[in-house]
N, C-alpha and C. Protein backbone atom coordinates (compact mmCIF):
# COMPACT_ATOMS: atom_id res chain seq x y z
N MET A 1 -44.15 -75.07 74.78
CA MET A 1 -45.57 -75.29 75.18
C MET A 1 -45.49 -75.84 76.59
N PRO A 2 -46.35 -75.30 77.40
CA PRO A 2 -46.41 -75.68 78.85
C PRO A 2 -47.05 -77.09 78.89
N ARG A 3 -46.61 -77.82 79.79
CA ARG A 3 -47.03 -79.14 80.13
C ARG A 3 -47.28 -79.49 81.56
N CYS A 4 -48.10 -80.32 81.98
CA CYS A 4 -48.46 -80.67 83.25
C CYS A 4 -48.37 -82.07 83.23
N GLY A 5 -47.85 -82.73 84.31
CA GLY A 5 -47.76 -84.22 84.47
C GLY A 5 -47.89 -84.58 85.85
N LEU A 6 -48.28 -85.76 86.10
CA LEU A 6 -48.52 -86.26 87.46
C LEU A 6 -47.63 -87.55 87.64
N PHE A 7 -46.69 -87.39 88.50
CA PHE A 7 -45.64 -88.49 88.65
C PHE A 7 -45.83 -89.16 90.06
N TRP A 8 -45.44 -90.32 90.18
CA TRP A 8 -45.30 -91.01 91.48
C TRP A 8 -44.06 -91.78 91.51
N ALA A 9 -43.68 -92.07 92.87
CA ALA A 9 -42.52 -92.85 92.97
C ALA A 9 -42.54 -93.52 94.33
N SER A 10 -42.00 -94.82 94.27
CA SER A 10 -41.80 -95.51 95.61
C SER A 10 -40.43 -95.05 96.18
N ARG A 11 -40.21 -95.66 97.36
CA ARG A 11 -38.84 -95.16 98.05
C ARG A 11 -37.73 -95.61 97.23
N ASN A 12 -37.84 -96.72 96.61
CA ASN A 12 -36.63 -97.22 95.96
C ASN A 12 -36.59 -97.07 94.55
N ALA A 13 -37.50 -96.24 93.96
CA ALA A 13 -37.41 -96.09 92.35
C ALA A 13 -37.57 -94.61 92.03
N LEU A 14 -37.17 -94.24 90.83
CA LEU A 14 -37.24 -92.88 90.34
C LEU A 14 -38.73 -92.56 90.00
N PRO A 15 -39.09 -91.27 90.05
CA PRO A 15 -40.50 -90.80 89.69
C PRO A 15 -40.82 -91.27 88.23
N GLU A 16 -42.06 -91.77 88.01
CA GLU A 16 -42.56 -92.06 86.78
C GLU A 16 -44.01 -91.61 86.51
N PRO A 17 -44.42 -91.46 85.40
CA PRO A 17 -45.74 -90.92 85.19
C PRO A 17 -46.85 -91.88 85.70
N LEU A 18 -47.88 -91.27 86.28
CA LEU A 18 -48.93 -92.08 86.88
C LEU A 18 -49.68 -92.65 85.79
N PRO A 19 -49.84 -94.00 85.78
CA PRO A 19 -50.68 -94.57 84.60
C PRO A 19 -52.11 -94.13 84.57
N PRO A 20 -52.55 -93.87 83.40
CA PRO A 20 -53.93 -93.27 83.21
C PRO A 20 -55.01 -94.27 83.91
N MET A 21 -54.80 -95.54 83.70
CA MET A 21 -55.77 -96.60 84.24
C MET A 21 -55.96 -96.48 85.70
N VAL A 22 -55.31 -95.82 86.52
CA VAL A 22 -55.55 -95.68 87.85
C VAL A 22 -56.36 -94.49 88.15
N LEU A 23 -56.58 -93.63 87.21
CA LEU A 23 -57.42 -92.37 87.43
C LEU A 23 -58.84 -92.69 87.00
N THR A 24 -59.52 -93.45 87.72
CA THR A 24 -60.92 -93.81 87.24
C THR A 24 -61.97 -93.41 88.47
N HIS A 25 -63.11 -93.68 88.11
CA HIS A 25 -64.09 -93.58 89.20
C HIS A 25 -65.05 -94.78 89.05
N ALA A 26 -65.79 -94.99 90.21
CA ALA A 26 -66.57 -96.17 90.24
C ALA A 26 -67.72 -96.21 89.31
N ALA A 27 -67.71 -97.13 88.35
CA ALA A 27 -68.96 -97.17 87.41
C ALA A 27 -70.25 -97.19 87.95
N ASP A 28 -70.41 -97.72 89.24
CA ASP A 28 -71.69 -97.94 89.78
C ASP A 28 -72.10 -96.89 90.67
N ASN A 29 -71.38 -95.60 90.55
CA ASN A 29 -71.75 -94.48 91.47
C ASN A 29 -73.06 -93.84 90.97
N THR A 30 -74.10 -94.12 91.72
CA THR A 30 -75.50 -93.51 91.38
C THR A 30 -75.40 -92.02 91.32
N ALA A 31 -74.90 -91.42 92.34
CA ALA A 31 -74.82 -89.99 92.38
C ALA A 31 -74.04 -89.35 91.15
N LEU A 32 -72.98 -89.98 90.85
CA LEU A 32 -72.27 -89.55 89.71
C LEU A 32 -73.06 -89.60 88.34
N ARG A 33 -73.74 -90.78 88.21
CA ARG A 33 -74.53 -90.86 86.97
C ARG A 33 -75.72 -89.89 86.93
N LYS A 34 -76.22 -89.68 88.13
CA LYS A 34 -77.51 -88.69 88.14
C LYS A 34 -76.87 -87.31 87.74
N SER A 35 -75.73 -86.99 88.41
CA SER A 35 -75.19 -85.64 88.19
C SER A 35 -74.77 -85.50 86.66
N GLN A 36 -74.30 -86.46 86.07
CA GLN A 36 -73.83 -86.39 84.61
C GLN A 36 -75.16 -86.26 83.84
N ARG A 37 -76.23 -86.98 84.01
CA ARG A 37 -77.36 -86.75 83.40
C ARG A 37 -77.93 -85.29 83.41
N VAL A 38 -77.95 -84.91 84.58
CA VAL A 38 -78.40 -83.39 84.82
C VAL A 38 -77.51 -82.48 83.94
N ARG A 39 -76.13 -82.62 84.09
CA ARG A 39 -75.18 -81.90 83.41
C ARG A 39 -75.45 -82.00 81.83
N GLU A 40 -75.71 -83.11 81.27
CA GLU A 40 -75.91 -83.33 79.89
C GLU A 40 -77.25 -82.64 79.46
N GLY A 41 -78.19 -82.80 80.30
CA GLY A 41 -79.58 -82.23 80.09
C GLY A 41 -79.52 -80.68 80.01
N ARG A 42 -78.83 -80.08 80.93
CA ARG A 42 -78.63 -78.67 80.96
C ARG A 42 -77.82 -78.19 79.81
N PHE A 43 -76.90 -78.99 79.30
CA PHE A 43 -76.11 -78.57 78.09
C PHE A 43 -76.96 -78.55 76.88
N LEU A 44 -77.90 -79.58 76.82
CA LEU A 44 -78.81 -79.60 75.63
C LEU A 44 -79.74 -78.45 75.65
N ILE A 45 -80.18 -78.18 76.86
CA ILE A 45 -81.16 -77.06 77.02
C ILE A 45 -80.59 -75.75 76.53
N ALA A 46 -79.24 -75.58 76.96
CA ALA A 46 -78.54 -74.29 76.52
C ALA A 46 -78.35 -74.29 75.02
N GLN A 47 -77.75 -75.45 74.61
CA GLN A 47 -77.37 -75.48 73.22
C GLN A 47 -78.49 -75.31 72.32
N PHE A 48 -79.65 -75.82 72.62
CA PHE A 48 -80.91 -75.74 71.76
C PHE A 48 -81.82 -74.57 72.09
N ARG A 49 -81.41 -73.81 73.10
CA ARG A 49 -82.07 -72.62 73.52
C ARG A 49 -83.56 -72.96 73.85
N CYS A 50 -83.84 -74.00 74.50
CA CYS A 50 -85.23 -74.47 74.77
C CYS A 50 -86.00 -73.42 75.55
N THR A 51 -85.22 -72.84 76.56
CA THR A 51 -86.02 -71.84 77.44
C THR A 51 -86.40 -70.68 76.86
N ARG A 52 -86.12 -70.37 75.55
CA ARG A 52 -86.70 -69.15 74.94
C ARG A 52 -88.06 -69.42 74.45
N CYS A 53 -88.52 -70.79 74.48
CA CYS A 53 -89.93 -70.92 74.10
C CYS A 53 -90.57 -71.83 75.16
N HIS A 54 -89.80 -72.48 76.05
CA HIS A 54 -90.50 -73.39 76.99
C HIS A 54 -89.94 -73.00 78.42
N ALA A 55 -90.93 -73.11 79.36
CA ALA A 55 -90.60 -72.74 80.70
C ALA A 55 -89.73 -74.03 81.28
N ALA A 56 -88.74 -73.78 82.07
CA ALA A 56 -87.97 -74.89 82.54
C ALA A 56 -87.26 -74.43 83.74
N LYS A 57 -87.81 -73.43 84.66
CA LYS A 57 -87.10 -72.83 85.70
C LYS A 57 -86.64 -73.85 86.88
N GLU A 58 -87.43 -74.92 86.97
CA GLU A 58 -87.05 -75.87 88.08
C GLU A 58 -85.79 -76.76 87.70
N ILE A 59 -85.58 -76.53 86.36
CA ILE A 59 -84.40 -77.38 85.83
C ILE A 59 -83.11 -76.49 85.85
N VAL A 60 -83.23 -75.30 85.18
CA VAL A 60 -82.15 -74.49 84.90
C VAL A 60 -82.01 -73.31 85.85
N GLY A 61 -82.86 -73.12 86.84
CA GLY A 61 -82.70 -72.01 87.71
C GLY A 61 -82.96 -70.61 87.02
N GLU A 62 -83.93 -70.38 86.31
CA GLU A 62 -84.21 -69.04 85.64
C GLU A 62 -84.31 -68.05 86.82
N GLY A 63 -83.70 -66.89 86.54
CA GLY A 63 -83.81 -65.83 87.48
C GLY A 63 -82.74 -66.03 88.73
N ASP A 64 -82.04 -67.03 88.71
CA ASP A 64 -81.08 -67.30 89.82
C ASP A 64 -79.74 -66.73 89.33
N PRO A 65 -79.01 -66.01 90.11
CA PRO A 65 -77.83 -65.45 89.78
C PRO A 65 -76.78 -66.51 89.43
N GLN A 66 -76.95 -67.77 89.80
CA GLN A 66 -76.11 -68.83 89.34
C GLN A 66 -76.52 -69.58 88.13
N ALA A 67 -77.66 -69.10 87.47
CA ALA A 67 -78.12 -69.64 86.23
C ALA A 67 -77.08 -69.67 85.05
N MET A 68 -77.28 -70.40 84.12
CA MET A 68 -76.37 -70.62 82.97
C MET A 68 -76.44 -69.33 82.10
N PRO A 69 -75.26 -68.66 81.88
CA PRO A 69 -75.23 -67.46 80.94
C PRO A 69 -75.83 -67.72 79.63
N GLU A 70 -75.61 -69.09 79.17
CA GLU A 70 -76.11 -69.40 77.83
C GLU A 70 -77.71 -69.24 77.72
N LEU A 71 -78.36 -69.06 78.75
CA LEU A 71 -79.86 -68.94 78.66
C LEU A 71 -80.26 -67.65 78.15
N ALA A 72 -79.31 -66.61 78.12
CA ALA A 72 -79.56 -65.37 77.58
C ALA A 72 -79.52 -65.32 76.07
N MET A 73 -79.17 -66.42 75.45
CA MET A 73 -79.16 -66.48 73.95
C MET A 73 -80.59 -66.35 73.45
N ASP A 74 -80.74 -65.68 72.40
CA ASP A 74 -82.07 -65.54 71.81
C ASP A 74 -82.52 -66.61 70.78
N ALA A 75 -83.73 -66.77 70.69
CA ALA A 75 -84.18 -67.85 69.59
C ALA A 75 -84.92 -67.02 68.51
N PRO A 76 -85.19 -67.68 67.40
CA PRO A 76 -85.88 -66.86 66.30
C PRO A 76 -87.18 -66.41 66.77
N SER A 77 -87.67 -65.20 66.20
CA SER A 77 -88.85 -64.59 66.60
C SER A 77 -90.02 -65.43 65.79
N LEU A 78 -91.04 -65.65 66.46
CA LEU A 78 -92.29 -66.25 65.94
C LEU A 78 -93.33 -65.21 65.59
N LYS A 79 -93.11 -63.94 65.93
CA LYS A 79 -94.09 -62.95 65.82
C LYS A 79 -94.43 -62.76 64.31
N GLY A 80 -95.65 -62.89 63.87
CA GLY A 80 -96.10 -62.85 62.52
C GLY A 80 -95.63 -63.87 61.66
N VAL A 81 -95.17 -65.02 62.24
CA VAL A 81 -94.73 -66.15 61.31
C VAL A 81 -95.77 -66.68 60.33
N GLY A 82 -97.00 -66.53 60.72
CA GLY A 82 -97.98 -66.99 59.87
C GLY A 82 -98.22 -66.27 58.53
N ALA A 83 -97.70 -65.04 58.65
CA ALA A 83 -97.86 -64.20 57.44
C ALA A 83 -96.58 -64.49 56.55
N ARG A 84 -95.53 -64.92 57.03
CA ARG A 84 -94.25 -65.07 56.49
C ARG A 84 -94.11 -66.53 55.83
N LEU A 85 -94.76 -67.47 56.44
CA LEU A 85 -94.51 -68.87 56.02
C LEU A 85 -95.85 -69.57 55.37
N ASN A 86 -95.66 -70.43 54.55
CA ASN A 86 -96.74 -71.25 53.93
C ASN A 86 -97.38 -72.09 54.99
N ALA A 87 -98.64 -72.07 55.12
CA ALA A 87 -99.40 -72.85 56.07
C ALA A 87 -99.12 -74.36 55.97
N ASP A 88 -99.03 -74.98 54.68
CA ASP A 88 -98.93 -76.32 54.64
C ASP A 88 -97.49 -76.69 55.04
N TRP A 89 -96.48 -75.88 54.70
CA TRP A 89 -95.17 -76.16 55.22
C TRP A 89 -95.04 -76.12 56.77
N MET A 90 -95.91 -75.16 57.34
CA MET A 90 -95.74 -74.99 58.81
C MET A 90 -96.46 -76.17 59.50
N ALA A 91 -97.46 -76.88 58.85
CA ALA A 91 -97.96 -78.04 59.35
C ALA A 91 -97.05 -79.19 59.29
N VAL A 92 -96.24 -79.39 58.33
CA VAL A 92 -95.20 -80.44 58.21
C VAL A 92 -94.22 -80.15 59.25
N TRP A 93 -93.73 -78.92 59.42
CA TRP A 93 -92.66 -78.49 60.35
C TRP A 93 -93.20 -78.82 61.84
N ILE A 94 -94.26 -78.37 62.09
CA ILE A 94 -94.82 -78.63 63.52
C ILE A 94 -94.84 -80.19 63.78
N ASN A 95 -95.34 -80.94 62.87
CA ASN A 95 -95.42 -82.44 63.07
C ASN A 95 -94.13 -83.11 63.19
N ASN A 96 -93.19 -82.68 62.32
CA ASN A 96 -91.81 -83.42 62.21
C ASN A 96 -90.81 -82.46 61.68
N PRO A 97 -90.28 -81.56 62.36
CA PRO A 97 -89.23 -80.69 61.81
C PRO A 97 -88.14 -81.34 61.10
N ARG A 98 -87.60 -82.48 61.58
CA ARG A 98 -86.50 -83.13 60.96
C ARG A 98 -86.85 -83.72 59.54
N SER A 99 -88.14 -83.91 59.29
CA SER A 99 -88.46 -84.39 57.83
C SER A 99 -88.12 -83.41 56.86
N LEU A 100 -88.08 -82.00 57.32
CA LEU A 100 -87.80 -80.92 56.45
C LEU A 100 -86.31 -80.48 56.46
N TRP A 101 -85.69 -80.65 57.74
CA TRP A 101 -84.38 -80.30 57.89
C TRP A 101 -83.81 -81.15 58.89
N ALA A 102 -82.96 -82.13 58.50
CA ALA A 102 -82.40 -83.20 59.28
C ALA A 102 -81.59 -82.57 60.58
N GLY A 103 -80.99 -81.38 60.44
CA GLY A 103 -80.27 -80.83 61.55
C GLY A 103 -81.05 -79.98 62.44
N SER A 104 -82.41 -80.02 62.36
CA SER A 104 -83.26 -79.26 63.19
C SER A 104 -83.06 -79.58 64.74
N HIS A 105 -83.09 -78.51 65.55
CA HIS A 105 -82.90 -78.85 66.90
C HIS A 105 -84.32 -79.14 67.63
N MET A 106 -85.33 -78.77 66.91
CA MET A 106 -86.63 -79.09 67.50
C MET A 106 -86.98 -80.48 67.21
N PRO A 107 -87.22 -81.16 68.27
CA PRO A 107 -87.72 -82.57 68.17
C PRO A 107 -89.05 -82.78 67.60
N ARG A 108 -89.38 -83.96 67.18
CA ARG A 108 -90.71 -84.38 66.74
C ARG A 108 -91.68 -84.40 68.03
N LEU A 109 -92.55 -83.65 67.95
CA LEU A 109 -93.62 -83.54 69.13
C LEU A 109 -94.73 -84.54 69.00
N PHE A 110 -95.18 -84.85 67.88
CA PHE A 110 -96.38 -85.70 67.65
C PHE A 110 -96.02 -87.02 67.00
N ALA A 111 -95.41 -87.95 67.58
CA ALA A 111 -94.85 -89.03 67.16
C ALA A 111 -95.60 -90.33 67.10
N ALA A 112 -96.93 -90.15 67.42
CA ALA A 112 -97.79 -91.36 67.45
C ALA A 112 -98.00 -92.05 66.04
N LYS A 113 -97.96 -93.34 66.09
CA LYS A 113 -98.19 -94.11 64.79
C LYS A 113 -99.37 -95.12 64.95
N ASP A 114 -99.99 -95.39 63.83
CA ASP A 114 -100.99 -96.45 63.90
C ASP A 114 -100.42 -97.74 63.74
N ALA A 115 -101.39 -98.78 63.76
CA ALA A 115 -100.85 -100.25 63.78
C ALA A 115 -99.88 -100.51 62.64
N LYS A 116 -99.99 -99.83 61.53
CA LYS A 116 -99.13 -100.15 60.44
C LYS A 116 -97.74 -99.28 60.40
N GLY A 117 -97.60 -98.49 61.49
CA GLY A 117 -96.43 -97.63 61.63
C GLY A 117 -96.53 -96.38 60.94
N VAL A 118 -97.67 -95.94 60.46
CA VAL A 118 -97.80 -94.70 59.71
C VAL A 118 -98.20 -93.67 60.81
N PRO A 119 -97.40 -92.45 60.78
CA PRO A 119 -97.69 -91.39 61.59
C PRO A 119 -99.12 -91.07 61.70
N ALA A 120 -99.62 -91.07 62.91
CA ALA A 120 -101.08 -90.65 63.13
C ALA A 120 -101.24 -89.98 64.45
N PHE A 121 -102.27 -89.11 64.53
CA PHE A 121 -102.47 -88.40 65.83
C PHE A 121 -103.49 -89.08 66.61
N ASP A 122 -103.31 -89.16 67.85
CA ASP A 122 -104.56 -89.45 68.79
C ASP A 122 -105.30 -88.24 68.85
N ASN A 123 -106.52 -88.19 69.51
CA ASN A 123 -107.37 -87.10 69.45
C ASN A 123 -106.72 -85.89 70.19
N ASP A 124 -106.00 -86.13 71.25
CA ASP A 124 -105.43 -85.03 72.04
C ASP A 124 -104.25 -84.50 71.23
N GLY A 125 -103.41 -85.44 70.71
CA GLY A 125 -102.35 -84.98 69.88
C GLY A 125 -102.75 -84.11 68.69
N HIS A 126 -103.81 -84.48 68.31
CA HIS A 126 -104.41 -83.64 66.94
C HIS A 126 -104.78 -82.28 67.51
N ARG A 127 -105.33 -82.17 68.66
CA ARG A 127 -105.80 -80.84 69.33
C ARG A 127 -104.59 -80.02 69.57
N GLN A 128 -103.63 -80.64 70.17
CA GLN A 128 -102.35 -79.87 70.56
C GLN A 128 -101.70 -79.43 69.13
N PHE A 129 -101.54 -80.25 68.23
CA PHE A 129 -101.06 -79.91 66.94
C PHE A 129 -101.90 -78.54 66.45
N GLN A 130 -103.07 -78.78 66.33
CA GLN A 130 -104.00 -77.72 65.85
C GLN A 130 -103.89 -76.43 66.64
N ALA A 131 -103.68 -76.60 67.98
CA ALA A 131 -103.54 -75.35 68.75
C ALA A 131 -102.25 -74.60 68.44
N ILE A 132 -101.21 -75.37 68.11
CA ILE A 132 -99.88 -74.74 67.84
C ILE A 132 -99.95 -74.18 66.48
N TRP A 133 -100.58 -74.83 65.56
CA TRP A 133 -100.73 -74.36 64.16
C TRP A 133 -101.59 -73.09 64.14
N ASN A 134 -102.70 -73.03 64.79
CA ASN A 134 -103.45 -71.83 64.85
C ASN A 134 -102.75 -70.69 65.57
N TYR A 135 -102.11 -70.99 66.59
CA TYR A 135 -101.21 -69.95 67.21
C TYR A 135 -100.23 -69.27 66.27
N LEU A 136 -99.46 -70.04 65.56
CA LEU A 136 -98.51 -69.59 64.66
C LEU A 136 -99.10 -68.85 63.44
N LEU A 137 -100.32 -69.35 62.88
CA LEU A 137 -100.89 -68.79 61.77
C LEU A 137 -101.53 -67.42 62.15
N GLU A 138 -102.19 -67.41 63.25
CA GLU A 138 -102.99 -66.20 63.66
C GLU A 138 -102.43 -65.44 64.81
N GLY A 139 -101.53 -65.90 65.55
CA GLY A 139 -101.04 -65.24 66.68
C GLY A 139 -101.91 -65.33 67.96
N LYS A 140 -102.89 -66.37 67.91
CA LYS A 140 -103.85 -66.45 69.02
C LYS A 140 -103.78 -67.93 69.32
N ALA A 141 -103.93 -68.22 70.67
CA ALA A 141 -104.06 -69.58 71.23
C ALA A 141 -105.50 -70.00 70.92
N ILE A 142 -105.73 -70.74 69.94
CA ILE A 142 -107.10 -71.25 69.68
C ILE A 142 -106.97 -72.72 69.78
N VAL A 143 -107.70 -73.33 70.74
CA VAL A 143 -107.56 -74.74 70.98
C VAL A 143 -108.92 -75.28 70.51
N PRO A 144 -108.84 -76.30 69.60
CA PRO A 144 -110.07 -76.91 69.03
C PRO A 144 -110.77 -77.71 70.28
N PRO A 145 -112.11 -77.71 70.37
CA PRO A 145 -112.75 -78.54 71.38
C PRO A 145 -112.42 -79.94 71.23
N ALA A 146 -112.50 -80.65 72.36
CA ALA A 146 -112.27 -82.17 72.42
C ALA A 146 -113.50 -82.77 71.68
N GLN A 147 -113.24 -83.95 70.99
CA GLN A 147 -114.37 -84.59 70.40
C GLN A 147 -114.66 -85.82 71.06
């Protein structure tokens, strides 16, 4: 099995392996931390295939020849989903996908809670939820009027 090692030696000693603790980076390197956050975010976007449903070209460089090849992965089709799924189940899924499947990649979108900690919508959150639900049920973007 091939191996690679990094050795160092002083003038008066035999070569020895370089101790791993000398191979570090500055923990307070702001540019490094920012770069790492961007890398981790791009990984999550590719892993969860977010760009199949959500626009994020300023983050991932859609259309750019240097863009990530993982972005070509497909997501499940939502065409005619309202005819295939139960409307009540869809309402629960839209509100909190992980309540139905703990391994869901889709995050909870409407996480507002009332004073007692019970999930509740504010008026705008309810409108957004209703618009998504209507779209999935009927294939049309129907946004309820603000109250």
